[in-house]
């Protein structure tokens, strides 16, 4: 019998459409920003200013974070500005002291962008000052290899307002970061890019810590987890109607089986999709289940994870770089595929696929590391994935070239 933890975790969700949540926020000051754009050409560009944003100001993470920290590490002495949505980020202590924090979608943010040499974002921007020839826009994107179709390939499934903004964003983009020929071609074909956009096949900066196998024991300390405890992360993606019926994973049985199989202690981390970041839900469910949905950097969580369970999230292709076990728990695959469509089938991935808890338990119990490694090798070769652990350094080198 399932313990039904997931339904308790999601209790109290106020279902909002992504369209309303994001676009209402963006267009409150639309007329004001249009007025401000009349004065943009008269503002002086600061040749050493870089403005960053991640997930519409919603976190300090993903590719922009690791580019930022490499800039700080190299002591580049540039002015680093981060646009932050303080409604989403309650604790700003995660930001390095070298950063200037500015409220997202504010007049101040508009001015910072208008006077910056370089813009760096992992999503479509929320504010667009008039972009001048001496300014550069580096789009890092927030996903890489993934199942679901995106942008132009999913144009019938996306809000018209989003498509309009995506086309505008693409016209302003100068560089886009990729980690494979497959992704490079995908971006070129589906992002409405002009011939002027250069694809930088450096790998993704956010994955450097995974390829390097960086010591992240301090992350466990932050989460009050003993170093000898193994971690299993459950990180499903969201559904457009925010249904949670498919999150019925059996935490208790899986933990008990892993304890018996590996003769050690395990804890579950639950990571809901960022689109649910403002949703209120219960966190104190069981001692062995920790809700980390509010943790700012999912890459750090992947770095301490020993086993990942997901469904259709591109996180699994980042985690694949660690060569650690990943399992797919997809109870609604056919309906999900019908809603969004996919680039390739689940059974083409290296990950064992389960449609219910019984199959998931069986896949974990019968897991073969040797067979898994062979499948990962073949998959990486098929998609020509390039992750050499120095993507952040290569992006910073490009930034220095543009500035100097």
Protein backbone atom coordinates (compact mmCIF):
# COMPACT_ATOMS: atom_id res chain seq x y z
CA UNK A 1 0.00 0.00 0.00
CA UNK A 2 1.43 3.35 -1.01
CA UNK A 3 2.12 5.79 1.80
CA UNK A 4 0.62 8.60 -0.26
CA UNK A 5 3.33 11.04 0.82
CA UNK A 6 3.22 12.90 -2.46
CA UNK A 7 -0.41 13.88 -2.09
CA UNK A 8 0.38 15.35 1.33
CA UNK A 9 3.39 17.21 0.01
CA UNK A 10 1.35 18.90 -2.68
CA UNK A 11 -1.63 19.64 -0.42
CA UNK A 12 -2.76 23.19 -0.65
CA UNK A 13 -1.45 23.86 -4.15
CA UNK A 14 -3.12 26.87 -5.72
CA UNK A 15 -3.11 25.92 -9.35
CA UNK A 16 -2.07 28.80 -11.54
CA UNK A 17 -1.35 28.72 -15.22
CA UNK A 18 2.22 29.53 -16.14
CA UNK A 19 0.93 32.04 -18.65
CA UNK A 20 -0.86 34.13 -16.03
CA UNK A 21 1.88 33.81 -13.42
CA UNK A 22 4.69 35.02 -15.68
CA UNK A 23 3.12 37.33 -18.23
CA UNK A 24 1.00 39.31 -15.79
CA UNK A 25 4.19 39.97 -13.86
CA UNK A 26 6.15 41.00 -16.96
CA UNK A 27 3.66 43.43 -18.46
CA UNK A 28 2.71 45.49 -15.42
CA UNK A 29 5.27 48.13 -16.44
CA UNK A 30 5.25 47.50 -20.20
CA UNK A 31 4.21 51.06 -21.12
CA UNK A 32 6.73 52.56 -18.72
CA UNK A 33 9.57 50.53 -20.23
CA UNK A 34 8.54 51.65 -23.72
CA UNK A 35 8.81 55.23 -22.54
CA UNK A 36 12.21 54.60 -20.98
CA UNK A 37 13.47 53.15 -24.25
CA UNK A 38 13.23 56.60 -25.81
CA UNK A 39 16.12 57.64 -23.56
CA UNK A 40 18.19 54.44 -23.83
CA UNK A 41 20.39 55.63 -26.74
CA UNK A 42 21.59 58.52 -24.57
CA UNK A 43 22.80 56.28 -21.71
CA UNK A 44 26.50 55.49 -21.65
CA UNK A 45 27.49 51.82 -21.85
CA UNK A 46 29.76 50.60 -19.05
CA UNK A 47 32.27 48.40 -20.87
CA UNK A 48 32.93 46.34 -17.74
CA UNK A 49 29.36 45.71 -16.64
CA UNK A 50 27.68 42.31 -16.99
CA UNK A 51 24.03 41.74 -16.05
CA UNK A 52 22.87 38.23 -15.16
CA UNK A 53 19.48 36.61 -14.67
CA UNK A 54 18.42 33.03 -13.99
CA UNK A 55 14.85 31.74 -14.27
CA UNK A 56 13.29 35.21 -14.40
CA UNK A 57 15.16 36.30 -11.28
CA UNK A 58 13.94 33.24 -9.41
CA UNK A 59 17.22 31.72 -8.23
CA UNK A 60 20.98 31.88 -8.03
CA UNK A 61 21.86 28.85 -10.09
CA UNK A 62 22.16 27.16 -13.48
CA UNK A 63 24.70 28.33 -16.07
CA UNK A 64 24.71 32.03 -15.08
CA UNK A 65 25.81 31.14 -11.54
CA UNK A 66 28.83 29.14 -12.66
CA UNK A 67 29.89 31.79 -15.16
CA UNK A 68 29.62 34.37 -12.39
CA UNK A 69 31.72 32.35 -9.97
CA UNK A 70 34.40 31.74 -12.59
CA UNK A 71 34.56 35.49 -13.22
CA UNK A 72 35.02 36.03 -9.48
CA UNK A 73 37.58 33.22 -9.25
CA UNK A 74 39.65 34.78 -12.04
CA UNK A 75 39.46 38.21 -10.34
CA UNK A 76 38.29 39.84 -13.55
CA UNK A 77 37.23 43.02 -11.72
CA UNK A 78 34.08 43.49 -13.77
CA UNK A 79 30.88 44.95 -12.38
CA UNK A 80 28.59 41.97 -11.89
CA UNK A 81 24.86 42.69 -11.56
CA UNK A 82 22.22 40.08 -10.78
CA UNK A 83 18.52 40.67 -11.35
CA UNK A 84 16.63 39.11 -8.44
CA UNK A 85 12.92 38.54 -7.85
CA UNK A 86 12.76 38.97 -4.09
CA UNK A 87 9.29 37.44 -3.99
CA UNK A 88 10.84 34.16 -5.11
CA UNK A 89 14.21 34.41 -3.37
CA UNK A 90 13.61 34.91 0.34
CA UNK A 91 17.23 34.38 1.41
CA UNK A 92 19.83 36.33 -0.58
CA UNK A 93 22.75 34.99 1.46
CA UNK A 94 23.50 32.52 -1.35
CA UNK A 95 24.75 35.40 -3.53
CA UNK A 96 28.48 36.26 -3.32
CA UNK A 97 29.25 39.65 -1.81
CA UNK A 98 30.89 40.74 -5.09
CA UNK A 99 27.49 40.91 -6.80
CA UNK A 100 25.21 43.91 -7.05
CA UNK A 101 21.62 42.73 -6.56
CA UNK A 102 18.83 44.61 -8.35
CA UNK A 103 15.12 43.94 -8.20
CA UNK A 104 13.92 42.07 -11.27
CA UNK A 105 11.55 43.91 -13.64
CA UNK A 106 12.26 47.25 -11.96
CA UNK A 107 13.30 50.57 -13.50
CA UNK A 108 16.72 50.05 -11.93
CA UNK A 109 17.00 46.67 -13.70
CA UNK A 110 16.07 48.32 -16.99
CA UNK A 111 18.84 50.90 -16.55
CA UNK A 112 21.40 48.26 -15.59
CA UNK A 113 20.63 46.31 -18.76
CA UNK A 114 20.62 49.45 -20.88
CA UNK A 115 24.13 50.37 -19.69
CA UNK A 116 25.72 46.89 -19.57
CA UNK A 117 28.25 45.57 -22.05
CA UNK A 118 26.97 41.99 -21.75
CA UNK A 119 23.64 40.36 -20.88
CA UNK A 120 23.63 36.75 -19.68
CA UNK A 121 20.39 34.83 -19.18
CA UNK A 122 19.16 31.23 -19.14
CA UNK A 123 15.54 32.04 -20.11
CA UNK A 124 13.81 34.56 -22.32
CA UNK A 125 14.28 37.98 -20.80
CA UNK A 126 11.57 39.91 -18.98
CA UNK A 127 12.87 43.39 -19.82
CA UNK A 128 14.26 44.56 -23.16
CA UNK A 129 15.99 47.92 -23.31
CA UNK A 130 16.96 49.08 -26.78
CA UNK A 131 20.04 46.92 -27.53
CA UNK A 132 22.94 48.73 -29.14
CA UNK A 133 25.74 47.47 -31.39
CA UNK A 134 28.33 47.58 -28.62
CA UNK A 135 26.23 45.31 -26.40
CA UNK A 136 26.24 41.49 -26.45
CA UNK A 137 23.62 38.99 -25.33
CA UNK A 138 24.77 35.48 -24.32
CA UNK A 139 21.91 33.01 -23.98
CA UNK A 140 22.98 29.98 -21.91
CA UNK A 141 19.53 28.32 -21.84
CA UNK A 142 18.47 26.16 -18.90
CA UNK A 143 18.26 22.78 -20.56
CA UNK A 144 20.34 20.70 -22.90
CA UNK A 145 19.51 17.31 -24.22
CA UNK A 146 15.87 16.67 -23.39
CA UNK A 147 12.80 14.65 -24.28
CA UNK A 148 10.09 17.22 -24.78
CA UNK A 149 9.93 19.44 -27.84
CA UNK A 150 10.62 23.11 -27.29
CA UNK A 151 10.13 26.56 -28.85
CA UNK A 152 9.35 26.42 -32.59
CA UNK A 153 9.00 22.61 -32.44
CA UNK A 154 6.20 23.03 -29.89
CA UNK A 155 4.71 26.24 -31.23
CA UNK A 156 1.12 24.93 -31.12
CA UNK A 157 1.48 24.08 -27.42
CA UNK A 158 2.92 27.40 -26.24
CA UNK A 159 1.13 30.68 -25.39
CA UNK A 160 1.10 33.15 -28.27
CA UNK A 161 2.53 35.87 -26.04
CA UNK A 162 5.47 33.64 -25.16
CA UNK A 163 6.17 32.92 -28.83
CA UNK A 164 6.15 36.64 -29.61
CA UNK A 165 8.66 37.30 -26.83
CA UNK A 166 10.81 34.29 -27.79
CA UNK A 167 11.15 35.57 -31.35
CA UNK A 168 12.16 39.01 -30.08
CA UNK A 169 14.65 37.48 -27.67
CA UNK A 170 16.19 35.38 -30.44
CA UNK A 171 16.66 38.40 -32.69
CA UNK A 172 18.68 40.09 -29.93
CA UNK A 173 20.85 37.05 -29.13
CA UNK A 174 24.51 37.09 -30.18
CA UNK A 175 25.76 33.83 -28.66
CA UNK A 176 24.14 30.61 -27.45
CA UNK A 177 25.89 27.89 -25.44
CA UNK A 178 25.62 24.23 -26.46
CA UNK A 179 27.14 20.91 -25.43
CA UNK A 180 26.73 18.89 -28.63
CA UNK A 181 26.16 19.05 -32.38
CA UNK A 182 22.66 17.73 -31.70
CA UNK A 183 21.82 20.61 -29.35
CA UNK A 184 23.51 23.15 -31.62
CA UNK A 185 21.31 22.06 -34.52
CA UNK A 186 18.25 21.99 -32.27
CA UNK A 187 18.84 25.58 -31.13
CA UNK A 188 19.45 26.78 -34.69
CA UNK A 189 16.32 25.10 -36.01
CA UNK A 190 13.89 25.79 -33.17
CA UNK A 191 14.94 29.10 -31.57
CA UNK A 192 14.13 31.51 -34.42
CA UNK A 193 17.80 32.45 -34.57
CA UNK A 194 19.20 34.58 -37.38
CA UNK A 195 22.44 33.71 -39.15
CA UNK A 196 24.24 36.19 -36.90
CA UNK A 197 23.90 34.02 -33.78
CA UNK A 198 27.06 32.06 -32.96
CA UNK A 199 26.70 28.71 -31.21
CA UNK A 200 29.45 28.12 -28.65
CA UNK A 201 29.89 24.37 -28.25
CA UNK A 202 31.71 24.60 -24.93
CA UNK A 203 29.54 22.35 -22.80
CA UNK A 204 27.29 23.78 -20.08
CA UNK A 205 28.99 25.63 -17.20
CA UNK A 206 26.50 24.17 -14.71
CA UNK A 207 27.84 20.68 -15.48
CA UNK A 208 31.48 21.41 -14.67
CA UNK A 209 31.00 20.34 -11.04
CA UNK A 210 29.39 17.06 -12.15
CA UNK A 211 32.12 16.16 -14.65
CA UNK A 212 34.84 17.19 -12.19
CA UNK A 213 33.23 15.13 -9.44
CA UNK A 214 33.62 18.20 -7.22
CA UNK A 215 33.64 17.62 -3.46
CA UNK A 216 30.24 18.86 -2.27
CA UNK A 217 30.17 17.49 1.25
CA UNK A 218 29.41 20.98 2.52
CA UNK A 219 26.03 20.75 0.75
CA UNK A 220 25.12 17.78 2.92
CA UNK A 221 26.02 19.85 5.97
CA UNK A 222 23.69 22.59 4.80
CA UNK A 223 20.89 20.03 4.62
CA UNK A 224 21.83 18.52 8.02
CA UNK A 225 22.61 15.15 6.44
CA UNK A 226 25.44 12.99 7.82
CA UNK A 227 28.27 12.32 5.39
CA UNK A 228 27.81 8.53 5.51
CA UNK A 229 24.15 8.69 4.43
CA UNK A 230 23.40 7.94 0.78
CA UNK A 231 21.08 10.23 -1.20
CA UNK A 232 18.27 9.38 -3.58
CA UNK A 233 16.79 12.43 -5.34
CA UNK A 234 13.28 12.45 -6.78
CA UNK A 235 13.01 15.31 -9.28
CA UNK A 236 9.95 15.10 -11.55
CA UNK A 237 9.01 17.77 -14.06
CA UNK A 238 5.69 19.64 -14.04
CA UNK A 239 2.49 19.12 -16.05
CA UNK A 240 0.76 22.03 -17.69
CA UNK A 241 -2.38 21.53 -15.56
CA UNK A 242 -0.26 21.08 -12.40
CA UNK A 243 -1.79 17.69 -11.73
CA UNK A 244 0.08 15.75 -9.04
CA UNK A 245 -1.54 12.34 -9.37
CA UNK A 246 1.56 10.93 -11.05
CA UNK A 247 3.85 11.83 -8.11
CA UNK A 248 2.74 8.74 -6.17
CA UNK A 249 6.21 7.29 -5.69
CA UNK A 250 6.53 4.88 -2.76
CA UNK A 251 9.29 6.46 -0.69
CA UNK A 252 9.13 3.98 2.21
CA UNK A 253 9.47 0.79 0.21
CA UNK A 254 12.29 2.17 -1.94
CA UNK A 255 14.32 3.35 1.07
CA UNK A 256 13.84 0.03 2.88
CA UNK A 257 14.91 -1.93 -0.20
CA UNK A 258 18.02 0.22 -0.68
CA UNK A 259 18.96 -0.17 3.00
CA UNK A 260 18.77 -3.95 2.63
CA UNK A 261 20.57 -4.04 -0.75
CA UNK A 262 23.50 -1.77 0.11
CA UNK A 263 23.58 -2.16 3.90
CA UNK A 264 23.69 1.58 4.55
CA UNK A 265 21.38 4.47 5.42
CA UNK A 266 19.51 6.42 2.74
CA UNK A 267 17.52 9.63 2.61
CA UNK A 268 15.10 10.85 -0.06
CA UNK A 269 15.35 14.40 -1.37
CA UNK A 270 12.25 15.73 -3.13
CA UNK A 271 12.76 18.45 -5.74
CA UNK A 272 9.66 19.86 -7.42
CA UNK A 273 9.94 21.86 -10.64
CA UNK A 274 10.79 25.62 -10.35
CA UNK A 275 7.37 26.51 -11.77
CA UNK A 276 6.02 25.38 -8.38
CA UNK A 277 8.49 27.47 -6.41
CA UNK A 278 5.79 29.74 -4.90
CA UNK A 279 3.42 26.89 -4.10
CA UNK A 280 2.91 26.10 -0.44
CA UNK A 281 3.20 22.44 0.52
CA UNK A 282 4.04 20.36 3.57
CA UNK A 283 7.69 19.46 4.05
CA UNK A 284 7.88 17.58 7.36
CA UNK A 285 6.48 14.30 6.10
CA UNK A 286 8.95 11.64 7.18
CA UNK A 287 12.37 11.68 8.76
CA UNK A 288 13.87 10.12 5.63
CA UNK A 289 12.18 12.49 3.13
CA UNK A 290 13.51 16.05 2.82
CA UNK A 291 11.84 18.62 0.62
CA UNK A 292 14.56 20.60 -1.20
CA UNK A 293 12.32 22.33 -3.74
CA UNK A 294 13.43 25.74 -2.45
CA UNK A 295 17.14 24.92 -2.63
CA UNK A 296 18.59 27.45 -5.12
CA UNK A 297 20.96 25.23 -7.11
CA UNK A 298 19.73 21.86 -8.34
CA UNK A 299 23.19 21.09 -9.78
CA UNK A 300 24.62 20.97 -6.27
CA UNK A 301 21.87 18.52 -5.34
CA UNK A 302 22.76 16.35 -8.32
CA UNK A 303 26.37 16.47 -7.16
CA UNK A 304 25.57 14.84 -3.79
CA UNK A 305 23.01 12.41 -5.23
CA UNK A 306 23.77 8.69 -5.45
CA UNK A 307 20.56 7.71 -7.27
CA UNK A 308 18.24 9.93 -9.30
CA UNK A 309 14.60 9.25 -10.07
CA UNK A 310 12.86 11.50 -12.59
CA UNK A 311 10.28 11.31 -15.35
CA UNK A 312 10.79 13.60 -18.35
CA UNK A 313 13.13 16.22 -16.89
CA UNK A 314 16.35 17.10 -18.71
CA UNK A 315 18.06 16.86 -15.31
CA UNK A 316 18.62 13.18 -15.96
CA UNK A 317 20.89 13.96 -18.91
CA UNK A 318 23.00 16.23 -16.72
CA UNK A 319 23.12 13.56 -14.00
CA UNK A 320 24.13 11.00 -16.63
CA UNK A 321 27.57 12.66 -16.67
CA UNK A 322 28.22 11.35 -13.14
CA UNK A 323 27.68 7.77 -14.39
CA UNK A 324 25.55 7.13 -11.29
CA UNK A 325 22.23 5.24 -11.53
CA UNK A 326 19.17 7.07 -12.84
CA UNK A 327 15.66 5.63 -13.07
CA UNK A 328 12.59 6.88 -14.90
CA UNK A 329 9.24 6.78 -13.10
CA UNK A 330 6.69 7.71 -15.75
CA UNK A 331 3.11 6.78 -14.93
CA UNK A 332 1.54 9.07 -17.54
CA UNK A 333 3.91 8.84 -20.49
CA UNK A 334 1.31 8.52 -23.25
CA UNK A 335 -0.71 11.52 -22.08
CA UNK A 336 2.45 13.58 -21.54
CA UNK A 337 3.67 12.72 -25.02
CA UNK A 338 0.31 13.62 -26.49
CA UNK A 339 0.40 17.01 -24.78
CA UNK A 340 3.95 18.08 -25.70
CA UNK A 341 5.45 15.46 -28.05
CA UNK A 342 9.03 14.24 -27.70
CA UNK A 343 12.23 14.18 -29.72
CA UNK A 344 12.93 10.54 -28.89
CA UNK A 345 11.29 7.77 -26.88
CA UNK A 346 11.96 6.97 -23.24
CA UNK A 347 13.24 3.50 -24.10
CA UNK A 348 15.98 5.10 -26.21
CA UNK A 349 17.58 6.57 -23.08
CA UNK A 350 20.09 4.61 -20.94
CA UNK A 351 17.70 4.74 -17.97
CA UNK A 352 15.44 1.87 -16.85
CA UNK A 353 11.80 2.90 -17.32
CA UNK A 354 8.94 2.11 -14.94
CA UNK A 355 5.24 2.93 -15.28
CA UNK A 356 4.36 2.03 -11.70
CA UNK A 357 5.99 1.50 -8.31
CA UNK A 358 6.30 -2.24 -8.72
CA UNK A 359 8.32 -1.85 -11.93
CA UNK A 360 10.44 0.87 -10.34
CA UNK A 361 11.29 -1.39 -7.40
CA UNK A 362 12.16 -4.20 -9.79
CA UNK A 363 14.40 -1.93 -11.89
CA UNK A 364 16.30 -0.76 -8.82
CA UNK A 365 16.66 -4.31 -7.48
CA UNK A 366 17.97 -5.74 -10.77
CA UNK A 367 20.15 -2.75 -11.75
CA UNK A 368 23.41 -3.65 -13.53
CA UNK A 369 26.12 -0.98 -13.36
CA UNK A 370 28.13 -2.57 -16.17
CA UNK A 371 25.18 -2.68 -18.57
CA UNK A 372 24.23 0.87 -17.57
CA UNK A 373 27.74 2.19 -18.31
CA UNK A 374 27.64 0.67 -21.79
CA UNK A 375 24.29 2.31 -22.52
CA UNK A 376 25.52 5.70 -21.29
CA UNK A 377 28.60 5.46 -23.48
CA UNK A 378 26.49 4.65 -26.53
CA UNK A 379 24.00 7.43 -25.78
CA UNK A 380 26.71 10.09 -25.33
CA UNK A 381 28.35 8.96 -28.56
CA UNK A 382 25.03 9.05 -30.44
CA UNK A 383 24.37 12.67 -29.48
CA UNK A 384 28.01 13.78 -29.60
CA UNK A 385 27.89 15.27 -26.10
CA UNK A 386 30.86 17.44 -25.14
CA UNK A 387 31.39 18.14 -21.43
CA UNK A 388 35.07 18.65 -20.64
CA UNK A 389 34.71 20.28 -17.20
CA UNK A 390 36.01 23.65 -18.43
CA UNK A 391 32.86 25.22 -19.93
CA UNK A 392 32.84 28.05 -17.38
CA UNK A 393 36.43 28.93 -18.21
CA UNK A 394 35.71 28.96 -21.94
CA UNK A 395 32.68 31.24 -21.52
CA UNK A 396 34.69 33.62 -19.33
CA UNK A 397 37.43 33.68 -21.97
CA UNK A 398 34.82 34.69 -24.56
CA UNK A 399 33.46 37.39 -22.23
CA UNK A 400 36.96 38.82 -21.74
CA UNK A 401 37.45 38.90 -25.50
CA UNK A 402 34.19 40.80 -25.95
CA UNK A 403 35.01 43.28 -23.21
CA UNK A 404 38.62 43.85 -24.15
